[in-house]
Amino acid sequence: MATFLTSPAMNPALRARIERAVSPRARAKHHGSSQGMARPFAGGGQKLRLARLFPVVVAVLLGALGVTEYRAERRAVVEERAALQAALDERRARLPAGHEGFIAATDRWITDTAAEPDRADVIAPSIKGHAALEAWLHRPAVYVHLPVTGARDAHTLDDAAQQSSKDSFLVCLLRPPASSSAHDLLAKVRGVYFEGAIVNDETANVSRLADAHLGLKALGPAFAGFVRAADELPEIRSLRQKLDAAPIAEAVKATGAELLIVVVDEGAEARVALVDLAAKSVLLRVRRRLEVPGTSPAASIYREQLQGCALAVAARHAAED
């Protein structure tokens, strides 16, 4: 360390002693050299600066990592939402023209069938007779069986329609028993699983209205709005699961139906209607008492199925006679 107490002309040893006397660093360096230490304090300032910079470097790296992850997530959101929208568009393209008004139209016919005032039977000439009835019953059709309380308005009708399945009425309407005797009716319904594959095969031309309700909801404007508004991956993936689970193929088939088959239960009686959806006209409308043929123990076990089958036979007789 330079000091005014020393000069170049001084003895080197004397100059060193004076510098050590006035400089702690010089004393430490001299002490370290005497102990065999090489360049004491070398690089200490650099280490101190790196220690101070370390938190800043870590913060910058973490920030960069966060930005990268955020951008990757946003890209994933955009890509998955676009894929979901494409899947929705592809499924909607399968629907027949005029599907937008299908639910409203069938709702009106169902509500009209359940209307309170008593009405005379209606059998249109185009369905009268065995051959004409059979021809209509083999056209693409859609079916619903519900209580009268479920046909009061759009909300209750939607809930009731979703509970409706293929049952003994539908099976016996399309494939009637040999006769209306208790024996033949029981033989037709005994042990039959009406929601199973065999029944579906026997009624393959008929769709459940429930499938139209469920499928069209997944393809409707409300669902499309949820897709456009979805901004998080879990939300988008949940919507995709709902779309994949919806009965789209069944809804496409149902909305292409030419014939609507309606059964409305009202206590001890039931109303049956067959509607030409294309012509928007009633082909058959009858009201019949629900009978339970037979008094055997088996008749008690299959009471509901027997009532449905007997009602179908009665509806067929109205058209065929």
Protein backbone atom coordinates (compact mmCIF):
# COMPACT_ATOMS: atom_id res chain seq x y z
CA MET A 1 0.00 0.00 0.00
CA ALA A 2 1.46 3.36 -1.02
CA THR A 3 2.01 5.83 1.86
CA PHE A 4 3.77 9.12 2.21
CA LEU A 5 5.90 7.53 4.96
CA THR A 6 7.84 5.49 2.41
CA SER A 7 9.89 6.30 -0.69
CA PRO A 8 11.49 4.23 -3.45
CA ALA A 9 14.93 5.08 -2.05
CA MET A 10 14.25 3.32 1.25
CA ASN A 11 15.56 -0.08 2.11
CA PRO A 12 12.95 -2.60 0.84
CA ALA A 13 12.71 -4.37 4.17
CA LEU A 14 12.16 -1.09 6.01
CA ARG A 15 9.57 0.02 3.47
CA ALA A 16 7.70 -3.30 3.90
CA ARG A 17 7.66 -2.92 7.69
CA ILE A 18 6.25 0.60 7.43
CA GLU A 19 3.52 -0.55 4.96
CA ARG A 20 2.53 -3.38 7.29
CA ALA A 21 2.30 -0.97 10.12
CA VAL A 22 -0.22 1.28 8.32
CA SER A 23 -2.14 -1.36 6.21
CA PRO A 24 -4.16 -4.24 7.74
CA ARG A 25 -4.30 -5.87 4.31
CA ALA A 26 -0.54 -5.73 3.98
CA ARG A 27 -0.19 -7.24 7.46
CA ALA A 28 -2.59 -10.05 6.61
CA LYS A 29 -0.82 -10.74 3.33
CA HIS A 30 2.55 -10.86 5.10
CA HIS A 31 1.14 -13.14 7.83
CA GLY A 32 -0.43 -15.44 5.25
CA SER A 33 2.84 -15.67 3.30
CA SER A 34 4.74 -16.52 6.45
CA GLN A 35 2.19 -19.38 7.02
CA GLY A 36 2.56 -20.69 3.46
CA MET A 37 -0.78 -19.31 2.17
CA ALA A 38 -0.83 -18.30 -1.50
CA ARG A 39 -2.48 -14.99 -2.33
CA PRO A 40 -4.66 -14.53 0.75
CA PHE A 41 -8.02 -12.77 0.11
CA ALA A 42 -7.67 -13.43 -3.63
CA GLY A 43 -11.13 -13.42 -5.33
CA GLY A 44 -13.02 -12.54 -2.13
CA GLY A 45 -14.70 -9.55 -3.75
CA GLN A 46 -15.91 -11.63 -6.71
CA LYS A 47 -17.42 -14.28 -4.41
CA LEU A 48 -19.20 -11.60 -2.48
CA ARG A 49 -20.66 -10.14 -5.65
CA LEU A 50 -21.83 -13.62 -6.85
CA ALA A 51 -23.48 -14.27 -3.48
CA ARG A 52 -25.39 -11.05 -3.81
CA LEU A 53 -26.41 -11.83 -7.41
CA PHE A 54 -27.59 -15.39 -6.71
CA PRO A 55 -31.13 -14.50 -5.46
CA VAL A 56 -31.57 -12.19 -8.44
CA VAL A 57 -30.53 -14.94 -10.86
CA VAL A 58 -32.87 -17.44 -9.18
CA ALA A 59 -35.77 -14.99 -9.32
CA VAL A 60 -35.17 -14.34 -13.01
CA LEU A 61 -35.02 -18.07 -13.78
CA LEU A 62 -38.18 -18.80 -11.83
CA GLY A 63 -39.97 -15.95 -13.56
CA ALA A 64 -38.87 -17.20 -16.98
CA LEU A 65 -40.00 -20.72 -16.09
CA GLY A 66 -43.40 -19.42 -14.93
CA VAL A 67 -43.89 -17.45 -18.14
CA THR A 68 -42.96 -20.51 -20.21
CA GLU A 69 -45.41 -22.73 -18.31
CA TYR A 70 -48.19 -20.14 -18.58
CA ARG A 71 -47.67 -19.80 -22.34
CA ALA A 72 -47.64 -23.59 -22.73
CA GLU A 73 -50.87 -23.88 -20.75
CA ARG A 74 -52.56 -21.17 -22.82
CA ARG A 75 -51.49 -22.93 -26.02
CA ALA A 76 -52.93 -26.19 -24.66
CA VAL A 77 -56.21 -24.42 -23.80
CA VAL A 78 -56.49 -22.98 -27.29
CA GLU A 79 -55.62 -26.30 -28.95
CA GLU A 80 -57.99 -28.44 -26.85
CA ARG A 81 -60.83 -25.95 -27.17
CA ALA A 82 -60.33 -25.90 -30.94
CA ALA A 83 -60.32 -29.72 -31.01
CA LEU A 84 -63.51 -29.80 -28.94
CA GLN A 85 -65.17 -27.26 -31.22
CA ALA A 86 -64.17 -29.32 -34.26
CA ALA A 87 -65.63 -32.48 -32.68
CA LEU A 88 -68.84 -30.59 -31.89
CA ASP A 89 -69.10 -29.25 -35.44
CA GLU A 90 -68.50 -32.73 -36.90
CA ARG A 91 -71.30 -34.25 -34.81
CA ARG A 92 -73.73 -31.42 -35.54
CA ALA A 93 -73.13 -31.90 -39.26
CA ARG A 94 -74.64 -35.40 -38.99
CA LEU A 95 -78.05 -34.09 -37.88
CA PRO A 96 -80.84 -33.98 -40.47
CA ALA A 97 -82.23 -30.69 -41.70
CA GLY A 98 -84.84 -29.21 -39.38
CA HIS A 99 -83.49 -30.88 -36.26
CA GLU A 100 -83.54 -27.55 -34.44
CA GLY A 101 -87.33 -27.70 -34.12
CA PHE A 102 -87.61 -31.43 -33.38
CA ILE A 103 -87.95 -31.24 -29.59
CA ALA A 104 -90.41 -28.35 -29.70
CA ALA A 105 -92.54 -30.17 -32.28
CA THR A 106 -92.66 -33.47 -30.38
CA ASP A 107 -93.34 -31.59 -27.14
CA ARG A 108 -96.41 -30.03 -28.71
CA TRP A 109 -97.78 -33.37 -29.89
CA ILE A 110 -97.18 -34.97 -26.49
CA THR A 111 -98.83 -32.09 -24.64
CA ASP A 112 -101.75 -32.23 -27.05
CA THR A 113 -102.13 -35.97 -26.47
CA ALA A 114 -102.24 -35.38 -22.71
CA ALA A 115 -104.79 -32.54 -22.96
CA GLU A 116 -107.64 -32.82 -20.47
CA PRO A 117 -110.85 -32.69 -22.57
CA ASP A 118 -112.21 -36.09 -23.59
CA ARG A 119 -111.93 -36.71 -27.29
CA ALA A 120 -113.32 -39.25 -29.67
CA ASP A 121 -110.95 -41.79 -31.17
CA VAL A 122 -109.09 -40.67 -34.28
CA ILE A 123 -108.05 -43.21 -36.92
CA ALA A 124 -106.81 -41.67 -40.16
CA PRO A 125 -107.62 -43.52 -43.41
CA SER A 126 -103.90 -43.78 -44.20
CA ILE A 127 -103.31 -46.04 -41.18
CA LYS A 128 -106.58 -47.98 -41.13
CA GLY A 129 -106.33 -51.70 -41.76
CA HIS A 130 -103.68 -54.27 -40.87
CA ALA A 131 -101.41 -53.68 -43.88
CA ALA A 132 -101.45 -49.89 -43.54
CA LEU A 133 -100.76 -50.08 -39.80
CA GLU A 134 -97.88 -52.48 -40.31
CA ALA A 135 -96.37 -50.23 -42.98
CA TRP A 136 -96.42 -47.25 -40.64
CA LEU A 137 -95.07 -49.19 -37.67
CA HIS A 138 -92.04 -50.26 -39.70
CA ARG A 139 -91.06 -46.70 -40.63
CA PRO A 140 -88.34 -44.83 -38.69
CA ALA A 141 -90.08 -43.90 -35.45
CA VAL A 142 -89.47 -42.30 -32.07
CA TYR A 143 -91.15 -43.45 -28.84
CA VAL A 144 -92.04 -41.98 -25.45
CA HIS A 145 -94.16 -43.35 -22.58
CA LEU A 146 -94.75 -40.99 -19.66
CA PRO A 147 -97.25 -40.08 -16.93
CA VAL A 148 -99.73 -37.30 -17.59
CA THR A 149 -98.05 -35.18 -14.90
CA GLY A 150 -94.87 -35.25 -16.95
CA ALA A 151 -96.54 -33.79 -20.03
CA ARG A 152 -97.63 -30.45 -18.57
CA ASP A 153 -94.77 -28.23 -19.73
CA ALA A 154 -91.36 -28.35 -21.42
CA HIS A 155 -89.39 -28.82 -18.18
CA THR A 156 -91.41 -31.71 -16.75
CA LEU A 157 -91.67 -33.24 -20.21
CA ASP A 158 -87.90 -33.22 -20.62
CA ASP A 159 -87.41 -34.99 -17.29
CA ALA A 160 -90.17 -37.53 -18.00
CA ALA A 161 -88.94 -38.23 -21.53
CA GLN A 162 -85.48 -39.03 -20.24
CA GLN A 163 -86.98 -41.67 -17.93
CA SER A 164 -88.87 -43.37 -20.76
CA SER A 165 -87.49 -46.59 -22.22
CA LYS A 166 -88.56 -49.33 -24.58
CA ASP A 167 -91.20 -51.38 -22.79
CA SER A 168 -93.92 -53.97 -23.23
CA PHE A 169 -96.26 -51.54 -24.99
CA LEU A 170 -93.75 -50.86 -27.75
CA VAL A 171 -92.80 -54.51 -28.17
CA CYS A 172 -96.43 -55.66 -28.34
CA LEU A 173 -97.36 -52.82 -30.69
CA LEU A 174 -94.69 -53.82 -33.20
CA ARG A 175 -94.76 -57.58 -32.54
CA PRO A 176 -98.13 -58.42 -31.00
CA PRO A 177 -98.91 -61.63 -29.13
CA ALA A 178 -100.91 -64.38 -30.82
CA SER A 179 -104.10 -63.08 -29.19
CA SER A 180 -105.32 -60.84 -26.41
CA SER A 181 -105.91 -63.78 -24.05
CA ALA A 182 -104.26 -63.76 -20.65
CA HIS A 183 -102.21 -66.81 -21.64
CA ASP A 184 -100.79 -65.24 -24.81
CA LEU A 185 -100.15 -61.87 -23.20
CA LEU A 186 -98.28 -63.50 -20.34
CA ALA A 187 -96.29 -65.67 -22.74
CA LYS A 188 -95.25 -62.50 -24.59
CA VAL A 189 -93.97 -60.55 -21.57
CA ARG A 190 -92.81 -63.21 -19.11
CA GLY A 191 -89.09 -62.98 -18.41
CA VAL A 192 -88.42 -60.32 -21.06
CA TYR A 193 -85.77 -57.69 -20.28
CA PHE A 194 -87.31 -54.81 -22.19
CA GLU A 195 -84.17 -52.66 -22.22
CA GLY A 196 -82.00 -55.50 -23.46
CA ALA A 197 -80.46 -56.37 -26.80
CA ILE A 198 -83.27 -58.69 -27.93
CA VAL A 199 -85.90 -55.99 -27.51
CA ASN A 200 -83.66 -53.48 -29.26
CA ASP A 201 -83.31 -55.86 -32.18
CA GLU A 202 -87.08 -56.38 -32.37
CA THR A 203 -87.70 -52.61 -32.30
CA ALA A 204 -84.65 -51.50 -34.28
CA ASN A 205 -86.58 -48.96 -36.36
CA VAL A 206 -87.76 -47.14 -33.20
CA SER A 207 -85.60 -44.70 -31.22
CA ARG A 208 -86.22 -43.44 -27.72
CA LEU A 209 -87.23 -39.80 -27.51
CA ALA A 210 -84.92 -39.68 -24.48
CA ASP A 211 -81.91 -40.09 -26.80
CA ALA A 212 -83.03 -37.12 -28.88
CA HIS A 213 -83.37 -34.98 -25.73
CA LEU A 214 -79.94 -35.96 -24.40
CA GLY A 215 -78.09 -35.88 -27.72
CA LEU A 216 -79.51 -32.57 -28.91
CA LYS A 217 -78.63 -30.93 -25.60
CA ALA A 218 -74.99 -31.80 -26.19
CA LEU A 219 -75.17 -30.37 -29.72
CA GLY A 220 -77.30 -27.34 -28.92
CA PRO A 221 -76.40 -23.63 -28.69
CA ALA A 222 -76.12 -23.68 -24.90
CA PHE A 223 -73.43 -26.36 -24.97
CA ALA A 224 -71.64 -24.58 -27.83
CA GLY A 225 -71.62 -21.42 -25.68
CA PHE A 226 -69.98 -23.34 -22.83
CA VAL A 227 -67.31 -24.54 -25.25
CA ARG A 228 -66.55 -21.01 -26.47
CA ALA A 229 -66.39 -19.65 -22.92
CA ALA A 230 -64.25 -22.45 -21.47
CA ASP A 231 -60.86 -21.02 -20.47
CA GLU A 232 -59.34 -23.73 -18.28
CA LEU A 233 -58.12 -27.18 -19.24
CA PRO A 234 -60.18 -29.08 -16.61
CA GLU A 235 -63.34 -27.32 -17.81
CA ILE A 236 -62.63 -28.10 -21.47
CA ARG A 237 -61.84 -31.74 -20.69
CA SER A 238 -65.05 -32.07 -18.68
CA LEU A 239 -67.05 -30.74 -21.63
CA ARG A 240 -65.29 -33.19 -23.95
CA GLN A 241 -66.26 -36.08 -21.67
CA LYS A 242 -69.89 -34.94 -21.73
CA LEU A 243 -69.86 -34.70 -25.52
CA ASP A 244 -68.28 -38.14 -25.90
CA ALA A 245 -70.83 -39.65 -23.49
CA ALA A 246 -73.87 -38.12 -25.22
CA PRO A 247 -75.96 -40.50 -27.42
CA ILE A 248 -75.20 -38.59 -30.61
CA ALA A 249 -75.75 -41.44 -33.08
CA GLU A 250 -79.05 -42.27 -31.39
CA ALA A 251 -80.10 -38.61 -31.48
CA VAL A 252 -79.31 -38.40 -35.18
CA LYS A 253 -81.50 -41.46 -35.79
CA ALA A 254 -84.31 -40.18 -33.56
CA THR A 255 -84.48 -36.76 -35.21
CA GLY A 256 -84.89 -38.45 -38.58
CA ALA A 257 -88.06 -40.23 -37.44
CA GLU A 258 -91.20 -40.13 -39.56
CA LEU A 259 -93.54 -41.47 -36.88
CA LEU A 260 -94.01 -40.36 -33.26
CA ILE A 261 -95.46 -42.98 -30.87
CA VAL A 262 -96.81 -41.53 -27.61
CA VAL A 263 -98.30 -43.21 -24.56
CA VAL A 264 -99.58 -41.05 -21.69
CA ASP A 265 -100.66 -42.79 -18.48
CA GLU A 266 -103.40 -41.16 -16.42
CA GLY A 267 -104.35 -43.40 -13.53
CA ALA A 268 -106.56 -46.27 -14.63
CA GLU A 269 -106.49 -45.17 -18.26
CA ALA A 270 -103.92 -44.34 -20.92
CA ARG A 271 -103.86 -42.35 -24.13
CA VAL A 272 -102.07 -43.54 -27.25
CA ALA A 273 -101.17 -41.39 -30.23
CA LEU A 274 -99.39 -42.08 -33.51
CA VAL A 275 -98.31 -38.91 -35.31
CA ASP A 276 -97.07 -38.40 -38.87
CA LEU A 277 -94.19 -36.00 -38.21
CA ALA A 278 -93.67 -35.09 -41.84
CA ALA A 279 -97.32 -34.27 -42.55
CA LYS A 280 -97.81 -32.93 -38.99
CA SER A 281 -101.02 -34.86 -38.54
CA VAL A 282 -102.49 -37.38 -36.12
CA LEU A 283 -102.76 -40.88 -37.56
CA LEU A 284 -104.28 -42.52 -34.50
CA ARG A 285 -105.42 -41.27 -31.11
CA VAL A 286 -107.26 -43.52 -28.67
CA ARG A 287 -107.96 -43.61 -24.95
CA ARG A 288 -108.29 -46.98 -23.27
CA ARG A 289 -108.68 -48.40 -19.79
CA LEU A 290 -105.64 -50.24 -18.45
CA GLU A 291 -106.66 -53.85 -17.96
CA VAL A 292 -104.83 -56.66 -16.19
CA PRO A 293 -105.75 -59.91 -17.92
CA GLY A 294 -105.84 -62.89 -15.57
CA THR A 295 -105.72 -63.31 -11.80
CA SER A 296 -102.89 -65.79 -11.50
CA PRO A 297 -99.82 -65.11 -9.32
CA ALA A 298 -97.81 -64.62 -12.53
CA ALA A 299 -100.29 -61.97 -13.66
CA SER A 300 -99.66 -60.09 -10.43
CA ILE A 301 -95.90 -60.28 -10.89
CA TYR A 302 -96.06 -58.99 -14.47
CA ARG A 303 -98.93 -56.57 -13.89
CA GLU A 304 -97.30 -53.50 -15.44
CA GLN A 305 -95.93 -55.39 -18.45
CA LEU A 306 -99.30 -57.05 -19.06
CA GLN A 307 -101.08 -53.69 -18.91
CA GLY A 308 -98.69 -52.23 -21.48
CA CYS A 309 -99.03 -55.19 -23.81
CA ALA A 310 -102.83 -55.24 -23.53
CA LEU A 311 -102.95 -51.51 -24.27
CA ALA A 312 -100.86 -52.03 -27.41
CA VAL A 313 -103.17 -54.81 -28.59
CA ALA A 314 -106.17 -52.53 -28.00
CA ALA A 315 -104.54 -49.73 -30.01
CA ARG A 316 -103.82 -52.13 -32.87
CA HIS A 317 -107.40 -53.36 -32.88
CA ALA A 318 -108.66 -49.77 -33.11
CA ALA A 319 -106.67 -49.25 -36.30
CA GLU A 320 -107.23 -52.70 -37.82
CA ASP A 321 -111.01 -53.01 -37.28
